[in-house]
């Protein structure tokens, strides 16, 4: 993309309404625009980030054997009355009445709807195990929406639901999701710690939240510092292997890590004092097992091998896709702007022409731009009639992982400059070697 033809409304000054780093930088980088309290338009740069995060989520869900689908944002109140949550959910639910005087709601979650779908189409144990998920907009009417996309009213979320014949099978699905989430977050450059948490209005006996440590986190967390040394890495996981998934779960959950709602001071005191930590954390996902509660209320029964009619065991699993955009920035930035992990970055490479209009740099930039495009590397070419300092500031602000600087002085020596945004380190290379260096 040529920057002269791109819609990128960057701001030089920090917006006064932004209280945390991610909100400031998302507004300054032209990623979002507020339309109402807690409701944002995602501008082209922000939308690219959102779709890159979503792509990683889809790839890891499918790798784990889960099936994507799509459910609507508006739901019938009748299903929620059957589950008992229509009145219990509270004022966070946006309740609507349509022109036929039917009660509707803007979905904050989809347990009722997905259970109704399975109840209508699944009758035999042979369909088990089954996990369905979608990525969709949600709405929760927060009392105090703040911190940009970190605590908005409208948000983009992956929510998945497993259906299993027995509790043991459902707990394997729980373990499988925890493992898939560890891989998902690491691909985004995050270390998300699974912590015992409160189930809230979703319900359930087993639940872990995934939290990214950050000073601006809304939750106070307590943990054993050893957990921050753990990495999922490039492990080859067979998601159908119960023992293997259980081993990973135990590795990442055996050390103390709790949110403030479930913190046990006596248990925490047994952690060696040198390893006791408290901090703030940003929730970026949560998994639940809640048994047969929804199945029984909404009729999700099947016949088992013995011909008995049994209620399906369920769990749900969420990842805050739009919230992750803010969480990644909170975890990865400096005084100059955003530092995107490569897989999430809206553009992987930024080309800066320091002397636009000079024939030799212009040609070198055009050749590089075409070569990167041919290699499938998403590239932003700053071809504006703008001073070099302003171009560098823009590239740092929006967080391109790599910057290629092209100028007449370097070209005279047969080189361009390649700069790593994360480390600030630069090297000089012949223009024809830059693409192969990055691929």
Protein backbone atom coordinates (compact mmCIF):
# COMPACT_ATOMS: atom_id res chain seq x y z
CA UNK A 1 0.00 0.00 0.00
CA UNK A 2 1.23 3.49 -0.88
CA UNK A 3 0.76 5.80 2.07
CA UNK A 4 -0.22 8.67 -0.24
CA UNK A 5 -3.32 6.62 -1.18
CA UNK A 6 -4.08 5.13 2.24
CA UNK A 7 -6.50 6.43 4.86
CA UNK A 8 -4.29 6.86 7.92
CA UNK A 9 -5.42 9.83 10.06
CA UNK A 10 -2.50 9.94 12.52
CA UNK A 11 -2.43 12.49 15.34
CA UNK A 12 0.70 14.26 16.60
CA UNK A 13 -0.64 15.01 20.08
CA UNK A 14 -2.01 12.68 22.74
CA UNK A 15 -5.82 12.85 22.89
CA UNK A 16 -6.95 14.25 26.23
CA UNK A 17 -9.68 11.64 26.72
CA UNK A 18 -7.27 8.68 26.53
CA UNK A 19 -6.15 7.44 29.97
CA UNK A 20 -3.99 4.44 29.08
CA UNK A 21 -1.22 3.77 26.56
CA UNK A 22 -3.19 1.52 24.22
CA UNK A 23 -6.08 3.97 23.94
CA UNK A 24 -3.69 6.88 23.26
CA UNK A 25 -1.70 5.00 20.65
CA UNK A 26 -4.72 3.50 18.89
CA UNK A 27 -6.21 6.98 18.51
CA UNK A 28 -2.89 8.58 17.51
CA UNK A 29 -2.13 5.81 14.98
CA UNK A 30 -5.51 6.26 13.32
CA UNK A 31 -6.72 2.78 14.25
CA UNK A 32 -10.07 3.66 15.82
CA UNK A 33 -12.56 6.49 16.23
CA UNK A 34 -15.06 6.71 19.06
CA UNK A 35 -18.68 6.88 17.88
CA UNK A 36 -20.35 6.73 21.31
CA UNK A 37 -19.27 5.82 24.83
CA UNK A 38 -17.50 2.46 24.56
CA UNK A 39 -18.35 2.05 20.85
CA UNK A 40 -15.69 2.46 18.14
CA UNK A 41 -15.29 2.45 14.40
CA UNK A 42 -12.27 0.42 13.34
CA UNK A 43 -10.41 2.43 10.70
CA UNK A 44 -8.34 0.67 8.00
CA UNK A 45 -5.15 0.22 10.06
CA UNK A 46 -7.04 -0.98 13.13
CA UNK A 47 -9.24 -3.24 11.03
CA UNK A 48 -6.16 -4.95 9.57
CA UNK A 49 -4.90 -5.66 13.09
CA UNK A 50 -8.32 -6.96 14.14
CA UNK A 51 -8.46 -9.34 11.17
CA UNK A 52 -4.87 -10.54 11.77
CA UNK A 53 -5.75 -11.40 15.38
CA UNK A 54 -8.92 -13.13 14.20
CA UNK A 55 -6.94 -15.13 11.63
CA UNK A 56 -4.62 -16.51 14.32
CA UNK A 57 -7.62 -17.41 16.49
CA UNK A 58 -9.30 -19.24 13.59
CA UNK A 59 -6.13 -21.15 12.69
CA UNK A 60 -5.58 -22.37 16.25
CA UNK A 61 -9.23 -23.28 16.77
CA UNK A 62 -9.31 -25.31 13.57
CA UNK A 63 -5.97 -26.92 14.48
CA UNK A 64 -7.63 -28.12 17.70
CA UNK A 65 -10.52 -29.66 15.74
CA UNK A 66 -13.18 -27.01 16.36
CA UNK A 67 -15.75 -25.95 13.75
CA UNK A 68 -16.35 -22.30 12.79
CA UNK A 69 -19.87 -20.97 12.21
CA UNK A 70 -21.72 -17.68 12.69
CA UNK A 71 -24.63 -16.77 14.94
CA UNK A 72 -26.58 -13.49 14.88
CA UNK A 73 -26.03 -10.56 17.22
CA UNK A 74 -29.76 -10.32 18.09
CA UNK A 75 -31.32 -13.14 20.09
CA UNK A 76 -34.82 -14.05 21.22
CA UNK A 77 -35.53 -13.43 24.89
CA UNK A 78 -37.49 -16.71 25.00
CA UNK A 79 -34.32 -18.82 25.02
CA UNK A 80 -32.86 -16.77 27.85
CA UNK A 81 -36.06 -17.14 29.85
CA UNK A 82 -35.76 -20.92 29.49
CA UNK A 83 -32.24 -20.81 30.93
CA UNK A 84 -33.29 -18.37 33.67
CA UNK A 85 -30.73 -15.76 32.67
CA UNK A 86 -32.96 -13.15 31.01
CA UNK A 87 -33.77 -11.43 34.30
CA UNK A 88 -30.70 -12.64 36.19
CA UNK A 89 -28.10 -11.24 33.80
CA UNK A 90 -28.60 -7.66 34.98
CA UNK A 91 -28.50 -4.20 33.36
CA UNK A 92 -25.40 -5.06 31.27
CA UNK A 93 -27.76 -6.82 28.83
CA UNK A 94 -29.24 -4.56 26.14
CA UNK A 95 -32.90 -5.55 25.94
CA UNK A 96 -34.88 -4.62 22.82
CA UNK A 97 -38.51 -4.89 21.75
CA UNK A 98 -39.16 -5.27 18.00
CA UNK A 99 -42.08 -3.85 16.00
CA UNK A 100 -44.17 -6.95 16.75
CA UNK A 101 -43.71 -6.36 20.48
CA UNK A 102 -41.40 -9.38 20.87
CA UNK A 103 -38.63 -9.22 23.46
CA UNK A 104 -35.15 -9.42 21.94
CA UNK A 105 -31.63 -8.79 23.20
CA UNK A 106 -28.24 -7.87 21.77
CA UNK A 107 -26.21 -10.95 22.66
CA UNK A 108 -23.55 -10.63 25.36
CA UNK A 109 -22.79 -14.36 24.89
CA UNK A 110 -24.31 -17.37 23.09
CA UNK A 111 -24.77 -20.34 25.44
CA UNK A 112 -28.55 -20.38 24.95
CA UNK A 113 -28.51 -20.05 21.16
CA UNK A 114 -25.82 -22.68 20.53
CA UNK A 115 -27.50 -25.14 22.90
CA UNK A 116 -30.78 -24.65 21.05
CA UNK A 117 -29.02 -25.34 17.73
CA UNK A 118 -27.47 -28.57 19.01
CA UNK A 119 -30.75 -29.63 20.66
CA UNK A 120 -32.49 -29.36 17.29
CA UNK A 121 -29.92 -31.19 15.17
CA UNK A 122 -27.93 -33.61 17.33
CA UNK A 123 -29.59 -36.77 18.68
CA UNK A 124 -26.88 -39.44 18.88
CA UNK A 125 -23.71 -39.96 20.89
CA UNK A 126 -21.97 -40.62 17.54
CA UNK A 127 -21.82 -36.85 16.94
CA UNK A 128 -19.64 -36.42 20.03
CA UNK A 129 -17.28 -34.77 20.75
CA UNK A 130 -18.44 -31.54 19.15
CA UNK A 131 -17.07 -28.01 19.50
CA UNK A 132 -18.63 -25.13 17.57
CA UNK A 133 -17.39 -21.55 17.70
CA UNK A 134 -17.83 -18.20 16.02
CA UNK A 135 -16.26 -14.73 16.05
CA UNK A 136 -18.96 -12.10 16.41
CA UNK A 137 -19.74 -8.67 17.85
CA UNK A 138 -21.11 -8.63 21.41
CA UNK A 139 -22.64 -5.92 23.55
CA UNK A 140 -22.51 -5.45 27.30
CA UNK A 141 -23.74 -2.13 28.65
CA UNK A 142 -20.85 -1.30 30.96
CA UNK A 143 -21.61 1.28 33.65
CA UNK A 144 -18.29 3.01 32.99
CA UNK A 145 -16.86 2.16 29.58
CA UNK A 146 -13.26 3.36 29.55
CA UNK A 147 -9.73 2.57 28.39
CA UNK A 148 -10.72 2.45 24.72
CA UNK A 149 -11.25 -1.07 23.37
CA UNK A 150 -10.09 -2.56 26.67
CA UNK A 151 -13.43 -1.94 28.36
CA UNK A 152 -15.88 -1.06 25.63
CA UNK A 153 -19.58 -1.76 25.39
CA UNK A 154 -19.41 -3.26 21.90
CA UNK A 155 -16.60 -5.76 21.36
CA UNK A 156 -15.47 -8.48 18.95
CA UNK A 157 -15.13 -11.89 20.51
CA UNK A 158 -14.50 -15.52 19.71
CA UNK A 159 -16.81 -17.71 21.74
CA UNK A 160 -16.83 -21.48 21.43
CA UNK A 161 -18.95 -24.23 22.97
CA UNK A 162 -18.12 -27.89 23.46
CA UNK A 163 -20.69 -30.67 23.75
CA UNK A 164 -19.62 -34.02 25.18
CA UNK A 165 -21.24 -37.23 26.34
CA UNK A 166 -19.56 -37.41 29.76
CA UNK A 167 -17.94 -35.14 32.29
CA UNK A 168 -14.57 -36.79 31.63
CA UNK A 169 -14.87 -36.01 27.91
CA UNK A 170 -15.94 -32.42 28.66
CA UNK A 171 -12.93 -31.91 30.93
CA UNK A 172 -10.69 -33.13 28.13
CA UNK A 173 -12.31 -30.47 25.93
CA UNK A 174 -11.50 -27.96 28.71
CA UNK A 175 -7.85 -29.06 28.71
CA UNK A 176 -7.73 -28.97 24.91
CA UNK A 177 -8.97 -25.39 24.90
CA UNK A 178 -6.46 -24.31 27.51
CA UNK A 179 -3.63 -25.76 25.42
CA UNK A 180 -4.91 -24.18 22.19
CA UNK A 181 -5.19 -20.80 23.92
CA UNK A 182 -1.60 -20.96 25.15
CA UNK A 183 -0.45 -21.45 21.56
CA UNK A 184 -2.79 -18.70 20.31
CA UNK A 185 -1.49 -16.05 22.69
CA UNK A 186 2.16 -16.89 22.15
CA UNK A 187 1.68 -16.46 18.38
CA UNK A 188 0.53 -12.92 19.19
CA UNK A 189 3.69 -12.21 21.16
CA UNK A 190 1.89 -12.44 24.51
CA UNK A 191 2.44 -14.43 27.65
CA UNK A 192 -1.09 -14.98 28.93
CA UNK A 193 -1.14 -16.67 32.34
CA UNK A 194 -4.04 -19.06 33.05
CA UNK A 195 -5.47 -18.21 36.47
CA UNK A 196 -8.23 -19.71 38.58
CA UNK A 197 -11.11 -17.28 38.37
CA UNK A 198 -14.72 -16.57 39.26
CA UNK A 199 -17.28 -17.85 36.77
CA UNK A 200 -19.59 -14.82 37.04
CA UNK A 201 -22.96 -14.92 35.20
CA UNK A 202 -21.76 -17.70 32.84
CA UNK A 203 -21.75 -20.22 35.70
CA UNK A 204 -19.72 -23.40 36.05
CA UNK A 205 -17.47 -25.37 38.37
CA UNK A 206 -14.20 -25.11 36.45
CA UNK A 207 -12.90 -21.86 35.00
CA UNK A 208 -9.59 -20.22 34.14
CA UNK A 209 -9.01 -16.68 32.96
CA UNK A 210 -6.04 -15.81 30.78
CA UNK A 211 -4.40 -12.60 31.91
CA UNK A 212 -1.60 -10.50 30.47
CA UNK A 213 0.38 -8.63 33.12
CA UNK A 214 0.13 -4.86 32.67
CA UNK A 215 0.03 -1.85 34.99
CA UNK A 216 -3.31 -0.80 33.49
CA UNK A 217 -4.99 -4.15 34.12
CA UNK A 218 -8.44 -4.07 35.71
CA UNK A 219 -7.78 -7.11 37.93
CA UNK A 220 -5.35 -7.56 40.80
CA UNK A 221 -3.56 -10.89 40.43
CA UNK A 222 -1.40 -13.01 42.71
CA UNK A 223 1.04 -15.57 41.32
CA UNK A 224 4.18 -17.64 41.71
CA UNK A 225 6.90 -15.94 39.65
CA UNK A 226 7.99 -19.33 38.26
CA UNK A 227 4.94 -19.26 35.99
CA UNK A 228 6.37 -16.34 33.99
CA UNK A 229 9.28 -18.56 32.90
CA UNK A 230 6.98 -21.05 31.15
CA UNK A 231 6.63 -21.06 27.35
CA UNK A 232 4.49 -23.21 25.09
CA UNK A 233 6.96 -22.91 22.22
CA UNK A 234 6.77 -25.12 19.14
CA UNK A 235 5.47 -28.25 20.85
CA UNK A 236 3.75 -30.78 18.62
CA UNK A 237 0.46 -31.43 20.40
CA UNK A 238 -1.99 -34.19 19.55
CA UNK A 239 -5.24 -32.60 20.69
CA UNK A 240 -6.94 -36.02 20.79
CA UNK A 241 -4.37 -37.28 23.30
CA UNK A 242 -6.02 -36.77 26.70
CA UNK A 243 -2.83 -37.45 28.67
CA UNK A 244 -0.74 -35.03 26.63
CA UNK A 245 -3.25 -32.17 27.01
CA UNK A 246 -3.61 -32.91 30.72
CA UNK A 247 0.17 -32.78 31.17
CA UNK A 248 0.37 -29.34 29.55
CA UNK A 249 -2.55 -28.07 31.63
CA UNK A 250 -0.90 -29.26 34.84
CA UNK A 251 2.41 -27.68 33.86
CA UNK A 252 0.78 -24.28 33.38
CA UNK A 253 -1.73 -24.42 36.26
CA UNK A 254 0.10 -26.28 39.04
CA UNK A 255 1.80 -23.09 40.26
CA UNK A 256 -0.25 -20.54 42.18
CA UNK A 257 -1.97 -17.96 39.97
CA UNK A 258 -5.29 -16.40 41.00
CA UNK A 259 -7.33 -13.31 40.33
CA UNK A 260 -8.43 -11.19 43.29
CA UNK A 261 -11.90 -12.83 43.27
CA UNK A 262 -10.49 -16.29 44.03
CA UNK A 263 -7.28 -15.36 45.87
CA UNK A 264 -6.54 -17.61 48.85
CA UNK A 265 -4.08 -15.88 51.17
CA UNK A 266 -3.30 -19.03 53.14
CA UNK A 267 -2.50 -21.03 50.01
CA UNK A 268 -0.47 -18.14 48.56
CA UNK A 269 1.59 -18.02 51.76
CA UNK A 270 2.87 -21.53 50.98
CA UNK A 271 4.62 -20.16 47.87
CA UNK A 272 8.26 -19.32 48.75
CA UNK A 273 8.32 -15.65 49.68
CA UNK A 274 10.96 -14.82 47.05
CA UNK A 275 8.56 -16.03 44.34
CA UNK A 276 5.37 -14.33 45.58
CA UNK A 277 4.17 -11.64 43.20
CA UNK A 278 1.15 -9.36 42.95
CA UNK A 279 0.40 -7.21 39.92
CA UNK A 280 -2.34 -5.97 37.64
CA UNK A 281 -3.63 -8.09 34.77
CA UNK A 282 -5.68 -7.66 31.60
CA UNK A 283 -8.15 -10.45 30.93
CA UNK A 284 -7.92 -11.62 27.30
CA UNK A 285 -9.86 -14.88 27.49
CA UNK A 286 -11.67 -17.37 29.72
CA UNK A 287 -12.69 -21.02 29.58
CA UNK A 288 -15.52 -22.74 31.52
CA UNK A 289 -16.94 -26.18 32.17
CA UNK A 290 -20.53 -25.99 33.43
CA UNK A 291 -21.90 -29.50 33.13
CA UNK A 292 -25.46 -30.16 31.97
CA UNK A 293 -27.14 -26.97 33.23
CA UNK A 294 -27.96 -25.47 29.82
CA UNK A 295 -28.53 -28.84 28.15
CA UNK A 296 -31.21 -29.79 30.65
CA UNK A 297 -33.00 -26.45 30.44
CA UNK A 298 -32.86 -26.19 26.64
CA UNK A 299 -33.28 -29.84 25.67
CA UNK A 300 -29.81 -30.85 24.43
CA UNK A 301 -30.13 -34.61 24.99
CA UNK A 302 -28.79 -37.58 23.01
CA UNK A 303 -29.02 -41.34 23.21
CA UNK A 304 -25.86 -42.95 24.56
CA UNK A 305 -24.47 -46.33 23.51
CA UNK A 306 -26.83 -48.07 25.93
CA UNK A 307 -29.83 -46.33 24.37
CA UNK A 308 -30.32 -44.05 27.39
CA UNK A 309 -31.39 -40.43 26.97
CA UNK A 310 -28.69 -38.26 28.57
CA UNK A 311 -28.04 -34.52 28.79
CA UNK A 312 -24.87 -33.30 27.08
CA UNK A 313 -21.99 -31.90 29.12
CA UNK A 314 -20.96 -28.41 28.03
CA UNK A 315 -18.28 -25.82 28.32
CA UNK A 316 -17.67 -22.40 26.80
CA UNK A 317 -14.47 -20.66 25.81
CA UNK A 318 -13.96 -17.01 24.92
CA UNK A 319 -11.16 -14.86 23.49
CA UNK A 320 -11.53 -11.08 23.35
CA UNK A 321 -10.37 -10.40 19.79
CA UNK A 322 -10.87 -6.61 19.88
CA UNK A 323 -9.55 -6.39 23.45
CA UNK A 324 -6.40 -8.22 22.34
CA UNK A 325 -5.51 -5.33 20.03
CA UNK A 326 -5.27 -3.09 23.10
CA UNK A 327 -3.63 -5.73 25.29
CA UNK A 328 -0.85 -6.33 22.77
CA UNK A 329 -0.10 -2.60 22.67
CA UNK A 330 -0.07 -2.41 26.49
CA UNK A 331 2.49 -5.23 26.50
CA UNK A 332 4.54 -4.04 23.51
CA UNK A 333 5.25 -0.34 23.01
CA UNK A 334 7.85 2.34 23.68
CA UNK A 335 7.91 6.12 23.85
CA UNK A 336 7.70 6.34 20.05
CA UNK A 337 4.68 4.15 19.50
CA UNK A 338 3.49 0.59 18.98
CA UNK A 339 5.77 -2.43 18.55
CA UNK A 340 3.64 -5.05 16.81
CA UNK A 341 4.58 -8.73 16.88
CA UNK A 342 5.13 -9.81 13.28
CA UNK A 343 2.00 -11.97 12.87
CA UNK A 344 -0.30 -9.25 14.21
CA UNK A 345 1.27 -6.24 12.45
CA UNK A 346 -0.98 -4.48 9.91
CA UNK A 347 2.05 -4.01 7.65
CA UNK A 348 5.16 -6.13 8.04
CA UNK A 349 7.53 -3.69 6.33
CA UNK A 350 7.56 0.07 5.95
CA UNK A 351 9.57 1.67 3.13
CA UNK A 352 10.74 5.24 3.75
CA UNK A 353 11.93 7.29 0.80
CA UNK A 354 13.96 10.09 2.38
CA UNK A 355 14.12 12.10 -0.85
CA UNK A 356 10.85 11.74 -2.68
CA UNK A 357 11.08 13.05 -6.24
CA UNK A 358 14.73 12.09 -6.70
CA UNK A 359 14.86 9.62 -9.58
CA UNK A 360 17.26 7.09 -8.07
CA UNK A 361 15.56 6.68 -4.63
CA UNK A 362 12.16 6.70 -6.32
CA UNK A 363 13.15 3.82 -8.60
CA UNK A 364 14.79 1.85 -5.77
CA UNK A 365 11.68 2.22 -3.61
CA UNK A 366 9.40 1.16 -6.46
CA UNK A 367 11.55 -1.92 -7.10
CA UNK A 368 11.54 -2.85 -3.40
CA UNK A 369 7.79 -2.28 -3.12
CA UNK A 370 7.11 -4.58 -6.08
CA UNK A 371 9.54 -7.22 -4.78
CA UNK A 372 7.97 -7.29 -1.30
CA UNK A 373 4.48 -7.49 -2.82
CA UNK A 374 5.54 -10.35 -5.09
CA UNK A 375 6.91 -12.17 -2.02
CA UNK A 376 3.55 -11.80 -0.26
CA UNK A 377 4.87 -9.39 2.39
CA UNK A 378 2.33 -6.72 3.33
CA UNK A 379 4.23 -3.46 2.81
CA UNK A 380 3.51 0.22 3.43
CA UNK A 381 5.48 2.55 1.16
CA UNK A 382 5.67 6.11 2.49
CA UNK A 383 5.77 7.98 -0.80
CA UNK A 384 4.49 11.29 0.61
CA UNK A 385 6.17 14.64 0.03
CA UNK A 386 7.07 14.79 3.71
CA UNK A 387 10.28 15.40 5.64
CA UNK A 388 12.23 12.27 6.58
CA UNK A 389 11.75 12.81 10.34
CA UNK A 390 7.98 12.84 9.95
CA UNK A 391 8.10 9.61 7.95
CA UNK A 392 10.24 7.88 10.58
CA UNK A 393 7.85 9.06 13.33
CA UNK A 394 4.85 7.66 11.47
CA UNK A 395 6.50 4.27 10.97
CA UNK A 396 7.48 4.09 14.64
CA UNK A 397 4.00 5.16 15.76
CA UNK A 398 2.13 2.52 13.73
CA UNK A 399 4.66 -0.17 14.63
CA UNK A 400 5.87 -1.75 11.39
CA UNK A 401 8.23 -4.56 12.51
CA UNK A 402 10.77 -3.67 9.80
CA UNK A 403 11.65 -0.35 8.17
CA UNK A 404 13.65 0.01 4.97
CA UNK A 405 15.19 3.47 4.58
CA UNK A 406 16.15 4.48 1.05
CA UNK A 407 18.16 7.62 0.30
CA UNK A 408 20.60 8.94 -2.29
CA UNK A 409 23.61 8.75 0.05
CA UNK A 410 23.13 5.05 0.78
CA UNK A 411 22.32 4.19 -2.82
CA UNK A 412 25.58 5.86 -3.88
CA UNK A 413 27.27 3.17 -1.77
CA UNK A 414 24.94 0.48 -3.12
CA UNK A 415 22.98 -0.03 0.12
CA UNK A 416 19.71 0.68 1.92
CA UNK A 417 19.14 0.56 5.68
CA UNK A 418 17.04 -2.16 7.33
CA UNK A 419 15.84 -1.37 10.88
CA UNK A 420 14.24 -3.72 13.41
CA UNK A 421 11.44 -1.79 15.18
CA UNK A 422 11.64 -3.93 18.34
CA UNK A 423 15.37 -3.61 18.96
CA UNK A 424 16.19 -0.44 17.03
CA UNK A 425 19.15 -2.23 15.44
CA UNK A 426 19.98 -1.38 11.82
CA UNK A 427 22.06 -2.97 9.10
CA UNK A 428 23.01 -1.90 5.60
CA UNK A 429 22.24 -4.24 2.72
CA UNK A 430 22.24 -4.14 -1.03
CA UNK A 431 18.62 -3.46 -2.16
CA UNK A 432 18.40 -6.82 -3.95
CA UNK A 433 19.22 -8.64 -0.70
CA UNK A 434 16.61 -7.00 1.53
CA UNK A 435 13.65 -9.15 0.47
CA UNK A 436 15.59 -12.41 0.85
CA UNK A 437 16.84 -11.21 4.25
CA UNK A 438 13.24 -10.86 5.50
CA UNK A 439 11.87 -14.01 3.89
